[in-house]
Amino acid sequence: GAADKATGLDIDTAKIGVARAAAEGLAARF
């Protein structure tokens, strides 16, 4: 509850794919 929405940027395509799967249902995009 410390953030309302989150956007993450990273150069590593594989890690971004992992982040997207883990954030399913949350107000987040990677």
Full PDB file with SEQRES, HELIX, SHEET, SSBOND, CRYST1, ORIGX, SCALE, CONECT and MASTER records, all heavy atoms in Angstrom:
SEQRES   1 A   30  GLY ALA ALA ASP LYS ALA THR GLY LEU ASP ILE ASP THR          
SEQRES   2 A   30  ALA LYS ILE GLY VAL ALA ARG ALA ALA ALA GLU GLY LEU          
SEQRES   3 A   30  ALA ALA ARG PHE                                              
HELIX    1 AA1 THR A   13  ALA A   22  1                                  10    
SHEET    1 AA1 2 ALA A   6  THR A   7  0                                        
SHEET    2 AA1 2 ALA A  28  ARG A  29  1                                        
CRYST1    1.000    1.000    1.000  90.00  90.00  90.00 P 1           1          
ORIGX1      1.000000  0.000000  0.000000        0.00000                         
ORIGX2      0.000000  1.000000  0.000000        0.00000                         
ORIGX3      0.000000  0.000000  1.000000        0.00000                         
SCALE1      1.000000  0.000000  0.000000        0.00000                         
SCALE2      0.000000  1.000000  0.000000        0.00000                         
SCALE3      0.000000  0.000000  1.000000        0.00000                         
ATOM      1  N   GLY A   1       0.791  -1.219   0.000  1.00  0.00           N  
ATOM      2  CA  GLY A   1       0.000   0.000   0.000  1.00  0.00           C  
ATOM      3  C   GLY A   1       0.822   1.267   0.000  1.00  0.00           C  
ATOM      4  O   GLY A   1       0.299   2.356   0.229  1.00  0.00           O  
ATOM      5  N   ALA A   2       2.126   1.141  -0.299  1.00  0.00           N  
ATOM      6  CA  ALA A   2       3.000   2.315  -0.319  1.00  0.00           C  
ATOM      7  C   ALA A   2       2.975   3.023  -1.666  1.00  0.00           C  
ATOM      8  O   ALA A   2       3.476   4.140  -1.790  1.00  0.00           O  
ATOM      9  CB  ALA A   2       4.436   1.902   0.012  1.00  0.00           C  
ATOM     10  N   ALA A   3       2.417   2.378  -2.694  1.00  0.00           N  
ATOM     11  CA  ALA A   3       2.315   2.966  -4.024  1.00  0.00           C  
ATOM     12  C   ALA A   3       0.948   2.658  -4.604  1.00  0.00           C  
ATOM     13  O   ALA A   3       0.342   1.626  -4.277  1.00  0.00           O  
ATOM     14  CB  ALA A   3       3.409   2.413  -4.930  1.00  0.00           C  
ATOM     15  N   ASP A   4       0.463   3.559  -5.466  1.00  0.00           N  
ATOM     16  CA  ASP A   4      -0.834   3.350  -6.120  1.00  0.00           C  
ATOM     17  C   ASP A   4      -0.671   2.631  -7.458  1.00  0.00           C  
ATOM     18  O   ASP A   4      -1.464   1.753  -7.799  1.00  0.00           O  
ATOM     19  CB  ASP A   4      -1.522   4.697  -6.373  1.00  0.00           C  
ATOM     20  CG  ASP A   4      -1.829   5.429  -5.082  1.00  0.00           C  
ATOM     21  OD1 ASP A   4      -2.108   4.765  -4.072  1.00  0.00           O  
ATOM     22  OD2 ASP A   4      -1.770   6.678  -5.085  1.00  0.00           O  
ATOM     23  N   LYS A   5       0.334   3.052  -8.212  1.00  0.00           N  
ATOM     24  CA  LYS A   5       0.628   2.455  -9.515  1.00  0.00           C  
ATOM     25  C   LYS A   5       2.137   2.369  -9.660  1.00  0.00           C  
ATOM     26  O   LYS A   5       2.872   3.157  -9.036  1.00  0.00           O  
ATOM     27  CB  LYS A   5       0.044   3.290 -10.657  1.00  0.00           C  
ATOM     28  CG  LYS A   5      -1.471   3.400 -10.655  1.00  0.00           C  
ATOM     29  CD  LYS A   5      -1.953   4.242 -11.837  1.00  0.00           C  
ATOM     30  CE  LYS A   5      -3.479   4.334 -11.843  1.00  0.00           C  
ATOM     31  NZ  LYS A   5      -3.976   5.160 -12.986  1.00  0.00           N  
ATOM     32  N   ALA A   6       2.603   1.462 -10.488  1.00  0.00           N  
ATOM     33  CA  ALA A   6       4.045   1.322 -10.681  1.00  0.00           C  
ATOM     34  C   ALA A   6       4.357   1.039 -12.138  1.00  0.00           C  
ATOM     35  O   ALA A   6       3.654   0.275 -12.806  1.00  0.00           O  
ATOM     36  CB  ALA A   6       4.602   0.204  -9.808  1.00  0.00           C  
ATOM     37  N   THR A   7       5.422   1.662 -12.602  1.00  0.00           N  
ATOM     38  CA  THR A   7       5.975   1.396 -13.927  1.00  0.00           C  
ATOM     39  C   THR A   7       7.442   1.043 -13.747  1.00  0.00           C  
ATOM     40  O   THR A   7       8.177   1.768 -13.064  1.00  0.00           O  
ATOM     41  CB  THR A   7       5.866   2.630 -14.844  1.00  0.00           C  
ATOM     42  OG1 THR A   7       4.483   2.965 -15.003  1.00  0.00           O  
ATOM     43  CG2 THR A   7       6.480   2.356 -16.206  1.00  0.00           C  
ATOM     44  N   GLY A   8       7.862  -0.054 -14.329  1.00  0.00           N  
ATOM     45  CA  GLY A   8       9.257  -0.462 -14.250  1.00  0.00           C  
ATOM     46  C   GLY A   8       9.900  -0.498 -15.622  1.00  0.00           C  
ATOM     47  O   GLY A   8       9.275  -0.952 -16.587  1.00  0.00           O  
ATOM     48  N   LEU A   9      11.126  -0.019 -15.700  1.00  0.00           N  
ATOM     49  CA  LEU A   9      11.897  -0.034 -16.942  1.00  0.00           C  
ATOM     50  C   LEU A   9      13.188  -0.796 -16.714  1.00  0.00           C  
ATOM     51  O   LEU A   9      13.867  -0.599 -15.710  1.00  0.00           O  
ATOM     52  CB  LEU A   9      12.227   1.389 -17.407  1.00  0.00           C  
ATOM     53  CG  LEU A   9      11.066   2.371 -17.609  1.00  0.00           C  
ATOM     54  CD1 LEU A   9      11.614   3.717 -18.078  1.00  0.00           C  
ATOM     55  CD2 LEU A   9      10.045   1.833 -18.587  1.00  0.00           C  
ATOM     56  N   ASP A  10      13.545  -1.665 -17.659  1.00  0.00           N  
ATOM     57  CA  ASP A  10      14.790  -2.410 -17.551  1.00  0.00           C  
ATOM     58  C   ASP A  10      15.217  -2.861 -18.943  1.00  0.00           C  
ATOM     59  O   ASP A  10      14.377  -3.130 -19.805  1.00  0.00           O  
ATOM     60  CB  ASP A  10      14.628  -3.624 -16.633  1.00  0.00           C  
ATOM     61  CG  ASP A  10      15.967  -4.135 -16.106  1.00  0.00           C  
ATOM     62  OD1 ASP A  10      16.658  -4.863 -16.846  1.00  0.00           O  
ATOM     63  OD2 ASP A  10      16.328  -3.774 -14.972  1.00  0.00           O  
ATOM     64  N   ILE A  11      16.522  -3.004 -19.132  1.00  0.00           N  
ATOM     65  CA  ILE A  11      17.054  -3.396 -20.430  1.00  0.00           C  
ATOM     66  C   ILE A  11      16.955  -4.896 -20.663  1.00  0.00           C  
ATOM     67  O   ILE A  11      17.034  -5.362 -21.803  1.00  0.00           O  
ATOM     68  CB  ILE A  11      18.527  -2.931 -20.559  1.00  0.00           C  
ATOM     69  CG1 ILE A  11      18.972  -2.939 -22.019  1.00  0.00           C  
ATOM     70  CG2 ILE A  11      19.444  -3.781 -19.680  1.00  0.00           C  
ATOM     71  CD1 ILE A  11      20.318  -2.284 -22.242  1.00  0.00           C  
ATOM     72  N   ASP A  12      16.737  -5.673 -19.607  1.00  0.00           N  
ATOM     73  CA  ASP A  12      16.748  -7.131 -19.688  1.00  0.00           C  
ATOM     74  C   ASP A  12      15.358  -7.651 -20.067  1.00  0.00           C  
ATOM     75  O   ASP A  12      14.440  -7.655 -19.240  1.00  0.00           O  
ATOM     76  CB  ASP A  12      17.198  -7.713 -18.350  1.00  0.00           C  
ATOM     77  CG  ASP A  12      17.486  -9.195 -18.415  1.00  0.00           C  
ATOM     78  OD1 ASP A  12      16.707  -9.928 -19.057  1.00  0.00           O  
ATOM     79  OD2 ASP A  12      18.493  -9.634 -17.818  1.00  0.00           O  
ATOM     80  N   THR A  13      15.213  -8.100 -21.299  1.00  0.00           N  
ATOM     81  CA  THR A  13      13.913  -8.557 -21.795  1.00  0.00           C  
ATOM     82  C   THR A  13      13.361  -9.721 -20.985  1.00  0.00           C  
ATOM     83  O   THR A  13      12.159  -9.779 -20.685  1.00  0.00           O  
ATOM     84  CB  THR A  13      14.031  -8.965 -23.271  1.00  0.00           C  
ATOM     85  OG1 THR A  13      14.513  -7.847 -24.027  1.00  0.00           O  
ATOM     86  CG2 THR A  13      12.690  -9.392 -23.836  1.00  0.00           C  
ATOM     87  N   ALA A  14      14.227 -10.671 -20.626  1.00  0.00           N  
ATOM     88  CA  ALA A  14      13.771 -11.835 -19.869  1.00  0.00           C  
ATOM     89  C   ALA A  14      13.236 -11.423 -18.503  1.00  0.00           C  
ATOM     90  O   ALA A  14      12.184 -11.918 -18.050  1.00  0.00           O  
ATOM     91  CB  ALA A  14      14.905 -12.839 -19.723  1.00  0.00           C  
ATOM     92  N   LYS A  15      13.930 -10.530 -17.814  1.00  0.00           N  
ATOM     93  CA  LYS A  15      13.474 -10.093 -16.502  1.00  0.00           C  
ATOM     94  C   LYS A  15      12.154  -9.327 -16.594  1.00  0.00           C  
ATOM     95  O   LYS A  15      11.290  -9.463 -15.717  1.00  0.00           O  
ATOM     96  CB  LYS A  15      14.543  -9.234 -15.826  1.00  0.00           C  
ATOM     97  CG  LYS A  15      15.753 -10.024 -15.359  1.00  0.00           C  
ATOM     98  CD  LYS A  15      16.779  -9.131 -14.677  1.00  0.00           C  
ATOM     99  CE  LYS A  15      17.977  -9.942 -14.195  1.00  0.00           C  
ATOM    100  NZ  LYS A  15      19.005  -9.094 -13.551  1.00  0.00           N  
ATOM    101  N   ILE A  16      11.990  -8.541 -17.638  1.00  0.00           N  
ATOM    102  CA  ILE A  16      10.735  -7.815 -17.814  1.00  0.00           C  
ATOM    103  C   ILE A  16       9.584  -8.804 -18.024  1.00  0.00           C  
ATOM    104  O   ILE A  16       8.478  -8.618 -17.494  1.00  0.00           O  
ATOM    105  CB  ILE A  16      10.829  -6.824 -18.984  1.00  0.00           C  
ATOM    106  CG1 ILE A  16      11.716  -5.637 -18.599  1.00  0.00           C  
ATOM    107  CG2 ILE A  16       9.443  -6.332 -19.414  1.00  0.00           C  
ATOM    108  CD1 ILE A  16      11.176  -4.771 -17.479  1.00  0.00           C  
ATOM    109  N   GLY A  17       9.822  -9.864 -18.765  1.00  0.00           N  
ATOM    110  CA  GLY A  17       8.795 -10.885 -18.933  1.00  0.00           C  
ATOM    111  C   GLY A  17       8.404 -11.515 -17.609  1.00  0.00           C  
ATOM    112  O   GLY A  17       7.215 -11.747 -17.335  1.00  0.00           O  
ATOM    113  N   VAL A  18       9.386 -11.802 -16.763  1.00  0.00           N  
ATOM    114  CA  VAL A  18       9.126 -12.362 -15.434  1.00  0.00           C  
ATOM    115  C   VAL A  18       8.316 -11.366 -14.604  1.00  0.00           C  
ATOM    116  O   VAL A  18       7.356 -11.744 -13.912  1.00  0.00           O  
ATOM    117  CB  VAL A  18      10.452 -12.714 -14.741  1.00  0.00           C  
ATOM    118  CG1 VAL A  18      10.231 -13.034 -13.268  1.00  0.00           C  
ATOM    119  CG2 VAL A  18      11.126 -13.889 -15.439  1.00  0.00           C  
ATOM    120  N   ALA A  19       8.696 -10.092 -14.648  1.00  0.00           N  
ATOM    121  CA  ALA A  19       7.992  -9.066 -13.880  1.00  0.00           C  
ATOM    122  C   ALA A  19       6.537  -8.952 -14.312  1.00  0.00           C  
ATOM    123  O   ALA A  19       5.630  -8.848 -13.464  1.00  0.00           O  
ATOM    124  CB  ALA A  19       8.703  -7.720 -14.039  1.00  0.00           C  
ATOM    125  N   ARG A  20       6.290  -8.976 -15.602  1.00  0.00           N  
ATOM    126  CA  ARG A  20       4.913  -8.857 -16.093  1.00  0.00           C  
ATOM    127  C   ARG A  20       4.051 -10.003 -15.592  1.00  0.00           C  
ATOM    128  O   ARG A  20       2.904  -9.799 -15.173  1.00  0.00           O  
ATOM    129  CB  ARG A  20       4.924  -8.823 -17.620  1.00  0.00           C  
ATOM    130  CG  ARG A  20       5.440  -7.518 -18.213  1.00  0.00           C  
ATOM    131  CD  ARG A  20       5.600  -7.641 -19.718  1.00  0.00           C  
ATOM    132  NE  ARG A  20       5.992  -6.365 -20.326  1.00  0.00           N  
ATOM    133  CZ  ARG A  20       6.454  -6.248 -21.572  1.00  0.00           C  
ATOM    134  NH1 ARG A  20       6.594  -7.346 -22.328  1.00  0.00           N  
ATOM    135  NH2 ARG A  20       6.787  -5.072 -22.052  1.00  0.00           N  
ATOM    136  N   ALA A  21       4.576 -11.207 -15.638  1.00  0.00           N  
ATOM    137  CA  ALA A  21       3.803 -12.358 -15.176  1.00  0.00           C  
ATOM    138  C   ALA A  21       3.514 -12.258 -13.685  1.00  0.00           C  
ATOM    139  O   ALA A  21       2.405 -12.558 -13.223  1.00  0.00           O  
ATOM    140  CB  ALA A  21       4.555 -13.648 -15.497  1.00  0.00           C  
ATOM    141  N   ALA A  22       4.507 -11.834 -12.902  1.00  0.00           N  
ATOM    142  CA  ALA A  22       4.342 -11.755 -11.458  1.00  0.00           C  
ATOM    143  C   ALA A  22       3.376 -10.651 -11.049  1.00  0.00           C  
ATOM    144  O   ALA A  22       2.742 -10.735  -9.987  1.00  0.00           O  
ATOM    145  CB  ALA A  22       5.691 -11.531 -10.794  1.00  0.00           C  
ATOM    146  N   ALA A  23       3.251  -9.609 -11.859  1.00  0.00           N  
ATOM    147  CA  ALA A  23       2.421  -8.454 -11.506  1.00  0.00           C  
ATOM    148  C   ALA A  23       0.989  -8.580 -12.000  1.00  0.00           C  
ATOM    149  O   ALA A  23       0.213  -7.626 -11.875  1.00  0.00           O  
ATOM    150  CB  ALA A  23       3.049  -7.186 -12.083  1.00  0.00           C  
ATOM    151  N   GLU A  24       0.599  -9.730 -12.505  1.00  0.00           N  
ATOM    152  CA  GLU A  24      -0.753  -9.902 -13.030  1.00  0.00           C  
ATOM    153  C   GLU A  24      -1.798  -9.491 -11.984  1.00  0.00           C  
ATOM    154  O   GLU A  24      -1.735  -9.895 -10.824  1.00  0.00           O  
ATOM    155  CB  GLU A  24      -0.977 -11.359 -13.425  1.00  0.00           C  
ATOM    156  CG  GLU A  24      -2.327 -11.612 -14.065  1.00  0.00           C  
ATOM    157  CD  GLU A  24      -2.500 -13.051 -14.493  1.00  0.00           C  
ATOM    158  OE1 GLU A  24      -1.553 -13.848 -14.324  1.00  0.00           O  
ATOM    159  OE2 GLU A  24      -3.591 -13.376 -15.012  1.00  0.00           O  
ATOM    160  N   GLY A  25      -2.722  -8.650 -12.418  1.00  0.00           N  
ATOM    161  CA  GLY A  25      -3.782  -8.192 -11.536  1.00  0.00           C  
ATOM    162  C   GLY A  25      -3.446  -6.957 -10.718  1.00  0.00           C  
ATOM    163  O   GLY A  25      -4.323  -6.424 -10.029  1.00  0.00           O  
ATOM    164  N   LEU A  26      -2.216  -6.510 -10.790  1.00  0.00           N  
ATOM    165  CA  LEU A  26      -1.801  -5.316 -10.053  1.00  0.00           C  
ATOM    166  C   LEU A  26      -1.741  -4.104 -10.989  1.00  0.00           C  
ATOM    167  O   LEU A  26      -1.653  -4.250 -12.209  1.00  0.00           O  
ATOM    168  CB  LEU A  26      -0.425  -5.531  -9.418  1.00  0.00           C  
ATOM    169  CG  LEU A  26      -0.320  -6.642  -8.375  1.00  0.00           C  
ATOM    170  CD1 LEU A  26       1.124  -6.753  -7.892  1.00  0.00           C  
ATOM    171  CD2 LEU A  26      -1.262  -6.392  -7.205  1.00  0.00           C  
ATOM    172  N   ALA A  27      -1.757  -2.912 -10.394  1.00  0.00           N  
ATOM    173  CA  ALA A  27      -1.666  -1.673 -11.181  1.00  0.00           C  
ATOM    174  C   ALA A  27      -0.206  -1.406 -11.521  1.00  0.00           C  
ATOM    175  O   ALA A  27       0.421  -0.466 -11.019  1.00  0.00           O  
ATOM    176  CB  ALA A  27      -2.252  -0.511 -10.392  1.00  0.00           C  
ATOM    177  N   ALA A  28       0.333  -2.272 -12.369  1.00  0.00           N  
ATOM    178  CA  ALA A  28       1.763  -2.185 -12.704  1.00  0.00           C  
ATOM    179  C   ALA A  28       1.966  -2.517 -14.165  1.00  0.00           C  
ATOM    180  O   ALA A  28       1.232  -3.329 -14.747  1.00  0.00           O  
ATOM    181  CB  ALA A  28       2.574  -3.153 -11.843  1.00  0.00           C  
ATOM    182  N   ARG A  29       2.968  -1.879 -14.749  1.00  0.00           N  
ATOM    183  CA  ARG A  29       3.385  -2.254 -16.093  1.00  0.00           C  
ATOM    184  C   ARG A  29       4.908  -2.211 -16.144  1.00  0.00           C  
ATOM    185  O   ARG A  29       5.546  -1.408 -15.461  1.00  0.00           O  
ATOM    186  CB  ARG A  29       2.778  -1.347 -17.168  1.00  0.00           C  
ATOM    187  CG  ARG A  29       3.247   0.099 -17.143  1.00  0.00           C  
ATOM    188  CD  ARG A  29       2.509   0.917 -18.203  1.00  0.00           C  
ATOM    189  NE  ARG A  29       2.938   2.297 -18.243  1.00  0.00           N  
ATOM    190  CZ  ARG A  29       3.910   2.755 -19.049  1.00  0.00           C  
ATOM    191  NH1 ARG A  29       4.517   1.934 -19.869  1.00  0.00           N  
ATOM    192  NH2 ARG A  29       4.244   4.031 -19.023  1.00  0.00           N  
ATOM    193  N   PHE A  30       5.466  -3.082 -16.953  1.00  0.00           N  
ATOM    194  CA  PHE A  30       6.913  -3.199 -17.065  1.00  0.00           C  
ATOM    195  C   PHE A  30       7.287  -3.176 -18.536  1.00  0.00           C  
ATOM    196  O   PHE A  30       6.675  -3.872 -19.349  1.00  0.00           O  
ATOM    197  CB  PHE A  30       7.392  -4.493 -16.393  1.00  0.00           C  
ATOM    198  CG  PHE A  30       7.139  -4.509 -14.911  1.00  0.00           C  
ATOM    199  CD1 PHE A  30       6.002  -5.109 -14.390  1.00  0.00           C  
ATOM    200  CD2 PHE A  30       8.026  -3.900 -14.038  1.00  0.00           C  
ATOM    201  CE1 PHE A  30       5.753  -5.118 -13.028  1.00  0.00           C  
ATOM    202  CE2 PHE A  30       7.791  -3.894 -12.669  1.00  0.00           C  
ATOM    203  CZ  PHE A  30       6.649  -4.504 -12.169  1.00  0.00           C  
TER     204      PHE A  30                                                      
MASTER        0    0    0    1    2    0    0    6  203    1    0    3          
END                                                                             
